[in-house]
Amino acid sequence: MAVSVETIAEEMYKMVVEYLGKKNLKSTDLTKAMIAKFGEAECTKDDCKHAIRQLIDSGRCVYSYFGGSFITIPHKEGAAPE
C-alpha cells in the first residue's frame, strides 16, 4: 500500500525542522530520504514532488536561494511584530 502524500509531507517537514541551521536541504535531498525511508514501491518521485508542493503552498516551508535552491522553514524578521 502506497504511503499518502500527506504522510510524506509530514515526514519531510520533520526532516527540514531537524536540519534547520545545520544543513540546507534541497528538494532532491528530501526526495531521496523519503524513498529510502518508505521504499521505492511505496513512495515515488511524483509523490515527493506533490508533498513538497503541499508544504510550499500551505506556507509551512519556503524556497530559499543561497547559491542554490533550498527548502527551509519561513523565518521571522527580528523587528516583525508577534
N, C-alpha and C. Protein backbone atom coordinates (compact mmCIF):
# COMPACT_ATOMS: atom_id res chain seq x y z
N MET A 1 0.84 -1.19 0.00
CA MET A 1 0.00 0.00 0.00
C MET A 1 0.88 1.25 0.00
N ALA A 2 0.59 2.13 -0.91
CA ALA A 2 1.41 3.34 -1.06
C ALA A 2 1.21 4.29 0.13
N VAL A 3 2.25 5.00 0.45
CA VAL A 3 2.21 5.99 1.52
C VAL A 3 1.50 7.23 0.99
N SER A 4 0.65 7.85 1.81
CA SER A 4 -0.09 9.03 1.36
C SER A 4 0.84 10.24 1.23
N VAL A 5 0.44 11.15 0.37
CA VAL A 5 1.22 12.38 0.15
C VAL A 5 1.29 13.18 1.45
N GLU A 6 0.22 13.18 2.23
CA GLU A 6 0.19 13.91 3.50
C GLU A 6 1.23 13.36 4.47
N THR A 7 1.38 12.04 4.51
CA THR A 7 2.37 11.40 5.39
C THR A 7 3.78 11.77 4.95
N ILE A 8 4.01 11.74 3.65
CA ILE A 8 5.33 12.10 3.12
C ILE A 8 5.63 13.56 3.44
N ALA A 9 4.64 14.43 3.26
CA ALA A 9 4.83 15.86 3.55
C ALA A 9 5.17 16.07 5.02
N GLU A 10 4.49 15.35 5.91
CA GLU A 10 4.75 15.49 7.34
C GLU A 10 6.16 15.03 7.69
N GLU A 11 6.61 13.94 7.11
CA GLU A 11 7.96 13.44 7.36
C GLU A 11 9.01 14.40 6.80
N MET A 12 8.73 14.99 5.65
CA MET A 12 9.64 15.98 5.06
C MET A 12 9.74 17.19 5.98
N TYR A 13 8.60 17.64 6.48
CA TYR A 13 8.59 18.80 7.38
C TYR A 13 9.43 18.52 8.63
N LYS A 14 9.27 17.33 9.20
CA LYS A 14 10.06 16.95 10.38
C LYS A 14 11.55 16.97 10.06
N MET A 15 11.91 16.52 8.87
CA MET A 15 13.32 16.49 8.47
C MET A 15 13.87 17.91 8.29
N VAL A 16 13.08 18.79 7.69
CA VAL A 16 13.50 20.18 7.50
C VAL A 16 13.71 20.85 8.85
N VAL A 17 12.79 20.62 9.80
CA VAL A 17 12.91 21.19 11.14
C VAL A 17 14.15 20.64 11.85
N GLU A 18 14.39 19.34 11.70
CA GLU A 18 15.54 18.70 12.35
C GLU A 18 16.87 19.27 11.86
N TYR A 19 16.97 19.56 10.56
CA TYR A 19 18.22 20.04 9.99
C TYR A 19 18.31 21.57 9.93
N LEU A 20 17.32 22.26 10.44
CA LEU A 20 17.30 23.72 10.41
C LEU A 20 18.55 24.29 11.09
N GLY A 21 19.30 25.10 10.37
CA GLY A 21 20.51 25.70 10.92
C GLY A 21 21.74 24.81 10.83
N LYS A 22 21.55 23.54 10.49
CA LYS A 22 22.68 22.61 10.39
C LYS A 22 23.06 22.34 8.94
N LYS A 23 22.02 22.15 8.12
CA LYS A 23 22.26 21.81 6.72
C LYS A 23 21.11 22.33 5.88
N ASN A 24 21.43 22.87 4.73
CA ASN A 24 20.40 23.31 3.79
C ASN A 24 19.98 22.11 2.95
N LEU A 25 18.69 21.81 2.96
CA LEU A 25 18.18 20.66 2.23
C LEU A 25 17.57 21.08 0.90
N LYS A 26 17.99 20.40 -0.16
CA LYS A 26 17.40 20.61 -1.48
C LYS A 26 16.22 19.66 -1.62
N SER A 27 15.39 19.92 -2.61
CA SER A 27 14.24 19.05 -2.84
C SER A 27 14.69 17.62 -3.16
N THR A 28 15.81 17.49 -3.85
CA THR A 28 16.31 16.15 -4.16
C THR A 28 16.77 15.41 -2.90
N ASP A 29 17.32 16.14 -1.94
CA ASP A 29 17.71 15.52 -0.67
C ASP A 29 16.49 14.94 0.03
N LEU A 30 15.42 15.72 0.07
CA LEU A 30 14.19 15.27 0.72
C LEU A 30 13.58 14.08 -0.02
N THR A 31 13.59 14.14 -1.34
CA THR A 31 13.03 13.05 -2.15
C THR A 31 13.79 11.76 -1.91
N LYS A 32 15.13 11.83 -1.95
CA LYS A 32 15.95 10.64 -1.74
C LYS A 32 15.74 10.06 -0.34
N ALA A 33 15.63 10.93 0.65
CA ALA A 33 15.44 10.48 2.03
C ALA A 33 14.10 9.77 2.20
N MET A 34 13.05 10.29 1.57
CA MET A 34 11.73 9.68 1.70
C MET A 34 11.65 8.34 0.97
N ILE A 35 12.30 8.25 -0.20
CA ILE A 35 12.32 6.99 -0.93
C ILE A 35 13.11 5.95 -0.14
N ALA A 36 14.20 6.38 0.50
CA ALA A 36 15.00 5.47 1.32
C ALA A 36 14.20 5.02 2.55
N LYS A 37 13.42 5.92 3.11
CA LYS A 37 12.65 5.61 4.32
C LYS A 37 11.48 4.67 4.03
N PHE A 38 10.71 4.98 2.99
CA PHE A 38 9.49 4.22 2.71
C PHE A 38 9.66 3.14 1.65
N GLY A 39 10.72 3.20 0.85
CA GLY A 39 10.93 2.23 -0.21
C GLY A 39 10.38 2.73 -1.54
N GLU A 40 11.03 2.30 -2.62
CA GLU A 40 10.64 2.76 -3.96
C GLU A 40 9.24 2.33 -4.34
N ALA A 41 8.80 1.18 -3.84
CA ALA A 41 7.48 0.67 -4.19
C ALA A 41 6.37 1.48 -3.52
N GLU A 42 6.67 2.07 -2.38
CA GLU A 42 5.65 2.79 -1.60
C GLU A 42 5.67 4.30 -1.82
N CYS A 43 6.81 4.84 -2.25
CA CYS A 43 6.99 6.29 -2.36
C CYS A 43 7.71 6.62 -3.67
N THR A 44 7.03 7.31 -4.56
CA THR A 44 7.63 7.65 -5.85
C THR A 44 8.13 9.10 -5.85
N LYS A 45 8.91 9.42 -6.86
CA LYS A 45 9.38 10.81 -7.01
C LYS A 45 8.20 11.75 -7.20
N ASP A 46 7.19 11.29 -7.91
CA ASP A 46 5.99 12.09 -8.13
C ASP A 46 5.27 12.39 -6.82
N ASP A 47 5.18 11.38 -5.95
CA ASP A 47 4.57 11.58 -4.62
C ASP A 47 5.34 12.64 -3.85
N CYS A 48 6.66 12.56 -3.91
CA CYS A 48 7.51 13.52 -3.20
C CYS A 48 7.34 14.92 -3.75
N LYS A 49 7.22 15.02 -5.07
CA LYS A 49 7.01 16.32 -5.70
C LYS A 49 5.70 16.95 -5.22
N HIS A 50 4.66 16.13 -5.13
CA HIS A 50 3.36 16.63 -4.65
C HIS A 50 3.43 17.01 -3.17
N ALA A 51 4.19 16.25 -2.39
CA ALA A 51 4.33 16.56 -0.96
C ALA A 51 5.07 17.88 -0.77
N ILE A 52 6.11 18.12 -1.56
CA ILE A 52 6.86 19.38 -1.47
C ILE A 52 5.94 20.54 -1.88
N ARG A 53 5.18 20.36 -2.93
CA ARG A 53 4.25 21.41 -3.36
C ARG A 53 3.24 21.71 -2.26
N GLN A 54 2.76 20.67 -1.58
CA GLN A 54 1.81 20.86 -0.49
C GLN A 54 2.44 21.67 0.65
N LEU A 55 3.70 21.39 0.99
CA LEU A 55 4.39 22.13 2.04
C LEU A 55 4.59 23.60 1.66
N ILE A 56 4.96 23.85 0.42
CA ILE A 56 5.20 25.22 -0.04
C ILE A 56 3.88 25.98 -0.13
N ASP A 57 2.85 25.37 -0.71
CA ASP A 57 1.55 26.03 -0.87
C ASP A 57 0.90 26.35 0.47
N SER A 58 1.11 25.48 1.46
CA SER A 58 0.50 25.71 2.77
C SER A 58 1.25 26.76 3.59
N GLY A 59 2.48 27.09 3.17
CA GLY A 59 3.28 28.08 3.89
C GLY A 59 4.10 27.48 5.02
N ARG A 60 4.06 26.17 5.19
CA ARG A 60 4.86 25.53 6.24
C ARG A 60 6.35 25.57 5.90
N CYS A 61 6.66 25.54 4.62
CA CYS A 61 8.05 25.64 4.15
C CYS A 61 8.11 26.66 3.01
N VAL A 62 9.31 27.17 2.78
CA VAL A 62 9.53 28.12 1.69
C VAL A 62 10.82 27.74 0.97
N TYR A 63 10.92 28.20 -0.28
CA TYR A 63 12.17 28.05 -1.01
C TYR A 63 13.09 29.19 -0.62
N SER A 64 14.35 28.88 -0.41
CA SER A 64 15.36 29.87 -0.10
C SER A 64 16.47 29.71 -1.12
N TYR A 65 17.05 30.81 -1.55
CA TYR A 65 18.11 30.73 -2.55
C TYR A 65 19.39 31.33 -1.99
N PHE A 66 20.41 30.50 -1.90
CA PHE A 66 21.73 30.96 -1.48
C PHE A 66 22.76 30.09 -2.19
N GLY A 67 23.04 30.44 -3.45
CA GLY A 67 23.95 29.63 -4.25
C GLY A 67 23.30 28.35 -4.74
N GLY A 68 22.03 28.20 -4.48
CA GLY A 68 21.25 27.03 -4.88
C GLY A 68 19.88 27.15 -4.24
N SER A 69 18.95 26.37 -4.70
CA SER A 69 17.59 26.44 -4.18
C SER A 69 17.41 25.42 -3.05
N PHE A 70 17.00 25.90 -1.88
CA PHE A 70 16.84 25.05 -0.71
C PHE A 70 15.43 25.20 -0.14
N ILE A 71 15.00 24.19 0.58
CA ILE A 71 13.70 24.24 1.25
C ILE A 71 13.96 24.45 2.73
N THR A 72 13.29 25.44 3.31
CA THR A 72 13.50 25.77 4.71
C THR A 72 12.20 26.23 5.34
N ILE A 73 12.25 26.49 6.64
CA ILE A 73 11.11 26.99 7.38
C ILE A 73 11.09 28.52 7.23
N PRO A 74 9.91 29.11 7.01
CA PRO A 74 9.89 30.58 6.92
C PRO A 74 10.32 31.20 8.25
N HIS A 75 11.25 32.11 8.21
CA HIS A 75 11.71 32.74 9.45
C HIS A 75 11.14 34.14 9.57
N LYS A 76 11.04 34.58 10.81
CA LYS A 76 10.50 35.89 11.09
C LYS A 76 11.67 36.89 11.21
N GLU A 77 11.46 38.06 10.69
CA GLU A 77 12.45 39.11 10.81
C GLU A 77 12.51 39.55 12.27
N GLY A 78 13.66 40.06 12.69
CA GLY A 78 13.85 40.47 14.08
C GLY A 78 12.91 41.57 14.53
N ALA A 79 12.55 42.48 13.65
CA ALA A 79 11.69 43.62 14.03
C ALA A 79 10.21 43.34 13.77
N ALA A 80 9.88 42.14 13.28
CA ALA A 80 8.49 41.85 12.97
C ALA A 80 7.65 41.71 14.24
N PRO A 81 6.47 42.28 14.24
CA PRO A 81 5.61 42.15 15.42
C PRO A 81 5.12 40.72 15.60
N GLU A 82 4.82 40.34 16.83
CA GLU A 82 4.37 38.98 17.08
C GLU A 82 2.89 38.84 16.94
